[in-house]
Amino acid sequence: MQDRTEDRLSSTHDDLGIGLRKVVLYVDRVVSEAGAAPALPATRASVAAVIRNPWIGTGAKEDLLEQQAAIGPALARRLTDRLVTALGGADRIEAFGKAALVGTAGELEHAGALIHTPYFGNLVREFLEGESIICFADTRAAAGEDITVPLWHKSHAATRSHYQTVAARVSDAPRHDEIVVIAAASTGPRPHPRIGDRLTDPTVSAATTGA
């Protein structure tokens, strides 16, 4: 089951004041894997915000903090509100992740600046009621390229059953002067998880395996 919806905002009507052009929500739910229904069917979602890159035309030594502080909280609230609504409440979310794609005229650091900051990450964690650090992906991309967003458990990062991914893509973004910022989450583990857990793994080393 898949669903994709878009909110379009013209450049002259940006309700957050951060150059927001579009928000895209993707939702899927695996109802069968290897011919069997998962014991705990999970719904996964990603929400992508397309914004104007505020650092276009600046140099490699430009201080990014002012825009991080201005943009990060607004994006964190907007994206997590959509995730919480799509997945039925923060209390139902068990795993989360984040990602960013910067357009071809931007620096990779511009993508990182919007997600690797307490102005975004700390608030996403708070709004989704998590405790773990948030796993991530970031890259430079042309419009329409997709990104695979990694997820893990929002409170117990070593819980291997919740290591999973969700796809994110915006058909016309990022344009060369844009950044796509993504928050993603899941209501449960991978289908049929059965490879153990990092907390209960045996001690494995070169000495114990003879490798």
Protein backbone atom coordinates (compact mmCIF):
# COMPACT_ATOMS: atom_id res chain seq x y z
CA MET A 1 0.00 0.00 0.00
CA GLN A 2 1.50 3.31 -1.05
CA ASP A 3 0.32 6.89 -0.96
CA ARG A 4 1.96 10.12 -2.01
CA THR A 5 0.50 13.58 -1.45
CA GLU A 6 1.83 17.05 -2.08
CA ASP A 7 1.25 20.50 -0.65
CA ARG A 8 2.31 23.15 -3.14
CA LEU A 9 3.35 26.60 -1.96
CA SER A 10 4.28 29.30 -4.42
CA SER A 11 7.45 31.28 -3.83
CA THR A 12 5.29 34.30 -2.99
CA HIS A 13 3.24 32.46 -0.40
CA ASP A 14 5.63 30.84 2.04
CA ASP A 15 3.75 30.36 5.29
CA LEU A 16 6.94 29.60 7.23
CA GLY A 17 9.09 32.40 5.79
CA ILE A 18 11.89 29.99 4.86
CA GLY A 19 11.53 29.72 1.09
CA LEU A 20 9.29 26.66 1.28
CA ARG A 21 7.97 25.54 -2.12
CA LYS A 22 6.47 22.12 -1.56
CA VAL A 23 5.86 19.38 1.01
CA VAL A 24 5.59 15.76 -0.13
CA LEU A 25 4.30 12.91 2.05
CA TYR A 26 4.97 9.25 1.21
CA VAL A 27 3.35 6.39 3.14
CA ASP A 28 3.63 2.63 2.70
CA ARG A 29 2.63 -0.49 4.61
CA VAL A 30 3.98 -3.99 4.00
CA VAL A 31 1.10 -6.46 4.31
CA SER A 32 2.94 -9.53 3.00
CA GLU A 33 6.61 -10.56 2.88
CA ALA A 34 7.81 -13.97 1.64
CA GLY A 35 4.18 -15.03 1.32
CA ALA A 36 3.30 -14.34 4.95
CA ALA A 37 1.76 -11.42 6.79
CA PRO A 38 4.15 -9.76 9.26
CA ALA A 39 3.33 -10.38 12.90
CA LEU A 40 3.66 -6.64 13.47
CA PRO A 41 2.78 -4.87 10.19
CA ALA A 42 4.49 -1.49 10.16
CA THR A 43 3.50 1.69 8.39
CA ARG A 44 6.40 3.80 7.18
CA ALA A 45 6.31 7.42 6.10
CA SER A 46 8.63 10.12 4.86
CA VAL A 47 7.88 13.82 4.64
CA ALA A 48 10.03 15.98 2.39
CA ALA A 49 10.13 19.78 2.42
CA VAL A 50 11.56 21.60 -0.59
CA ILE A 51 13.12 24.93 0.34
CA ARG A 52 15.25 27.57 -1.31
CA ASN A 53 18.94 27.14 -0.43
CA PRO A 54 19.70 30.22 1.71
CA TRP A 55 23.45 29.90 1.14
CA ILE A 56 23.58 30.00 -2.66
CA GLY A 57 26.35 32.36 -3.75
CA THR A 58 28.18 32.33 -0.43
CA GLY A 59 31.69 31.03 0.03
CA ALA A 60 33.15 27.98 1.71
CA LYS A 61 33.86 30.00 4.86
CA GLU A 62 30.31 31.33 5.28
CA ASP A 63 28.92 30.98 8.82
CA LEU A 64 25.79 28.81 8.55
CA LEU A 65 24.48 29.18 12.09
CA GLU A 66 22.06 32.07 11.63
CA GLN A 67 20.05 30.28 8.95
CA GLN A 68 20.26 26.97 10.81
CA ALA A 69 18.62 28.61 13.82
CA ALA A 70 15.98 30.31 11.66
CA ILE A 71 15.03 27.37 9.42
CA GLY A 72 15.61 24.27 11.53
CA PRO A 73 12.83 24.66 14.12
CA ALA A 74 10.20 25.55 11.51
CA LEU A 75 11.08 22.50 9.42
CA ALA A 76 11.23 20.20 12.43
CA ARG A 77 7.74 21.20 13.47
CA ARG A 78 6.24 21.05 9.98
CA LEU A 79 7.70 17.68 9.08
CA THR A 80 7.01 15.95 12.38
CA ASP A 81 3.45 17.25 12.49
CA ARG A 82 2.87 15.53 9.14
CA LEU A 83 4.54 12.31 10.31
CA VAL A 84 2.55 12.20 13.53
CA THR A 85 -0.70 12.73 11.64
CA ALA A 86 0.15 10.15 8.97
CA LEU A 87 1.21 7.49 11.45
CA GLY A 88 -1.48 8.01 14.08
CA GLY A 89 0.43 9.73 16.86
CA ALA A 90 3.95 10.11 18.21
CA ASP A 91 3.32 7.25 20.62
CA ARG A 92 2.83 4.86 17.68
CA ILE A 93 6.16 5.77 16.09
CA GLU A 94 8.96 3.33 16.95
CA ALA A 95 11.75 4.21 14.49
CA PHE A 96 12.96 7.42 12.88
CA GLY A 97 15.50 8.91 10.49
CA LYS A 98 16.38 12.07 8.59
CA ALA A 99 17.93 13.06 5.27
CA ALA A 100 18.71 15.98 2.98
CA LEU A 101 19.47 16.50 -0.70
CA VAL A 102 21.16 19.67 -1.87
CA GLY A 103 20.84 20.88 -5.45
CA THR A 104 23.79 21.04 -7.81
CA ALA A 105 24.61 24.70 -7.10
CA GLY A 106 24.94 24.07 -3.37
CA GLU A 107 27.56 22.55 -1.10
CA LEU A 108 27.10 19.18 0.55
CA GLU A 109 27.65 21.11 3.79
CA HIS A 110 24.44 23.02 3.08
CA ALA A 111 22.46 19.76 3.25
CA GLY A 112 24.20 18.77 6.45
CA ALA A 113 23.69 22.21 7.95
CA LEU A 114 19.93 21.77 8.03
CA ILE A 115 19.79 18.28 9.55
CA HIS A 116 22.99 17.93 11.61
CA THR A 117 22.07 20.66 14.03
CA PRO A 118 20.19 20.77 17.34
CA TYR A 119 17.82 23.28 15.78
CA PHE A 120 16.45 20.41 13.68
CA GLY A 121 17.59 17.09 15.13
CA ASN A 122 16.88 17.82 18.78
CA LEU A 123 13.40 19.04 17.94
CA VAL A 124 12.58 16.11 15.66
CA ARG A 125 13.60 13.78 18.48
CA GLU A 126 11.49 15.72 21.00
CA PHE A 127 8.40 15.97 18.78
CA LEU A 128 8.54 12.24 17.96
CA GLU A 129 9.17 11.37 21.63
CA GLY A 130 12.49 9.67 21.01
CA GLU A 131 15.79 9.42 22.85
CA SER A 132 18.26 8.00 20.31
CA ILE A 133 20.45 10.00 18.02
CA ILE A 134 18.80 10.06 14.59
CA CYS A 135 20.41 8.11 11.76
CA PHE A 136 20.74 10.01 8.50
CA ALA A 137 21.66 10.29 4.84
CA ASP A 138 22.66 13.35 2.86
CA THR A 139 23.89 13.91 -0.68
CA ARG A 140 23.99 16.26 -3.66
CA ALA A 141 21.35 15.45 -6.26
CA ALA A 142 19.62 16.59 -9.41
CA ALA A 143 15.86 17.08 -9.52
CA GLY A 144 13.91 13.85 -9.25
CA GLU A 145 16.66 11.73 -7.73
CA ASP A 146 15.60 9.59 -4.81
CA ILE A 147 17.29 8.91 -1.50
CA THR A 148 17.02 5.96 0.84
CA VAL A 149 16.47 7.18 4.39
CA PRO A 150 17.78 4.84 7.11
CA LEU A 151 15.72 4.35 10.26
CA TRP A 152 16.40 2.83 13.64
CA HIS A 153 14.59 2.60 16.97
CA LYS A 154 13.80 6.02 18.37
CA SER A 155 14.76 5.11 21.94
CA HIS A 156 16.95 1.99 21.66
CA ALA A 157 19.29 2.40 18.70
CA ALA A 158 20.81 -1.06 19.19
CA THR A 159 17.47 -2.77 18.53
CA ARG A 160 18.35 -4.51 15.26
CA SER A 161 14.75 -5.42 14.36
CA HIS A 162 14.06 -1.75 13.66
CA TYR A 163 16.98 -1.22 11.25
CA GLN A 164 15.10 -0.42 8.05
CA THR A 165 14.81 2.15 5.28
CA VAL A 166 12.15 4.20 3.55
CA ALA A 167 12.36 5.85 0.15
CA ALA A 168 11.95 9.58 -0.44
CA ARG A 169 11.67 11.37 -3.78
CA VAL A 170 10.31 14.65 -5.10
CA SER A 171 9.79 14.62 -8.86
CA ASP A 172 10.96 18.18 -9.51
CA ALA A 173 13.38 18.77 -6.65
CA PRO A 174 15.90 19.70 -5.63
CA ARG A 175 16.35 22.34 -8.29
CA HIS A 176 19.92 23.63 -8.52
CA ASP A 177 19.26 26.27 -5.86
CA GLU A 178 17.14 24.18 -3.48
CA ILE A 179 17.47 21.76 -0.58
CA VAL A 180 15.11 18.90 0.19
CA VAL A 181 14.89 18.14 3.92
CA ILE A 182 13.29 14.87 5.01
CA ALA A 183 12.04 13.35 8.24
CA ALA A 184 10.94 9.72 8.21
CA ALA A 185 9.48 7.23 10.65
CA SER A 186 7.99 3.76 11.06
CA THR A 187 5.44 2.31 13.46
CA GLY A 188 7.26 -0.99 13.86
CA PRO A 189 10.08 -3.32 12.85
CA ARG A 190 11.04 -4.89 9.53
CA PRO A 191 8.81 -7.76 8.39
CA HIS A 192 9.72 -11.05 10.10
CA PRO A 193 12.81 -9.81 12.00
CA ARG A 194 14.86 -12.79 13.18
CA ILE A 195 18.57 -11.94 13.11
CA GLY A 196 18.99 -11.28 16.79
CA ASP A 197 19.87 -8.10 18.59
CA ARG A 198 23.09 -6.24 19.21
CA LEU A 199 22.53 -6.39 22.97
CA THR A 200 22.30 -10.20 22.98
CA ASP A 201 24.90 -11.03 20.32
CA PRO A 202 27.75 -13.35 21.33
CA THR A 203 31.21 -11.89 21.62
CA VAL A 204 32.70 -12.04 18.14
CA SER A 205 36.27 -11.11 17.26
CA ALA A 206 39.10 -12.28 15.04
CA ALA A 207 40.25 -14.49 17.89
CA THR A 208 36.88 -16.20 18.42
CA THR A 209 36.23 -16.81 14.71
CA GLY A 210 39.74 -17.58 13.50
CA ALA A 211 39.37 -14.96 10.78
